[in-house]
Amino acid sequence: MAEKRKDVMRDAAKAAVENTSSNAEIAAFLDKARTMAPAAAKAPGKRGRLVFALDATMSRQPTWDTACTLQAEMFREAGNVGGLDIQLVYYRGFNECRAGKWAGDADALASMMTRIDCRGGQTQIGRILKHVRNETKKAPVQAMVFVGDAVEENIDALCAIAGELGLLKVPAFVFQEGFDSTAEQAFREIARLTGGAFCRFDPGSAAQLKQLLSAVAVYAAGGYKALADLSKARGGPARLMIEQMQGQ
């Protein structure tokens, strides 16, 4: 009985540490987001553009429904603001990397997401970064979001492309699912080189992550003013971001 109590206490302590770590990651993400440079300027009358990229390989299957829910919420938030087109990009299977059409309709984007299923395969983050770079050269992309759990590519090569995105002023907001150390190293560097931010993707912190994604979407859509309006209405991540921008 005493041994069982020890096991229970050990498990509880472990859970507490993991929860604290998750909260700390979110706080660090917000701190970084507050120092984010202004997004690439939109031409007058043009809509903002945001690339939402996903790892859809088999390792992400257990939390795929959570990812779908979070993204749907982000699309709805962006739709409420207006002026934002989102492109869904994902990779999976053998050498499959697809980019959808730019769309501003939240329901259409959510529907597109539900039609994607996870398939076994290796990561293709380099192709994602190159795609964002090429799209930005056609017309400014205000930000990109990436959710993944692994990196099976040369990190130096990925960082070289990330550096190009940094020069193009396209911040990458990278969310990591799990605790793979190699992936974390690569994701943190990609975020740093682009002027974006890194955060742990924890389904247990879905509410906070939804707020973060929504704030990024609102900023990409309407810039400083839209984020300021969101900050006044809801506070939270938007308030923290706007406070730093006011201090710059």
Foldseek 3Di string as FASTA:
>chain_A
DVVVVVVVVVVVVVVVVVVVVQVVQLVQQLVLLLQFDFFDDADPPAAFEEEEEEEQAPVCQVCLVLVLVLVLLLLVLLLVLDRYWYKYWYDADEPDIDIDDTDNHSVVVSVVSVPDHHHHDADDVVVVLVVQLVVCVVPNHREYEYEEADHPDDLVSSLVSLLSLLVSLYAYEYEHEDDDPVVVVSRQSSRVNNSHGYHYDDSVPSVSSSVVSNLSSQCSGPNLVSLVVVCVVPNRSSVSNNVSVVVD
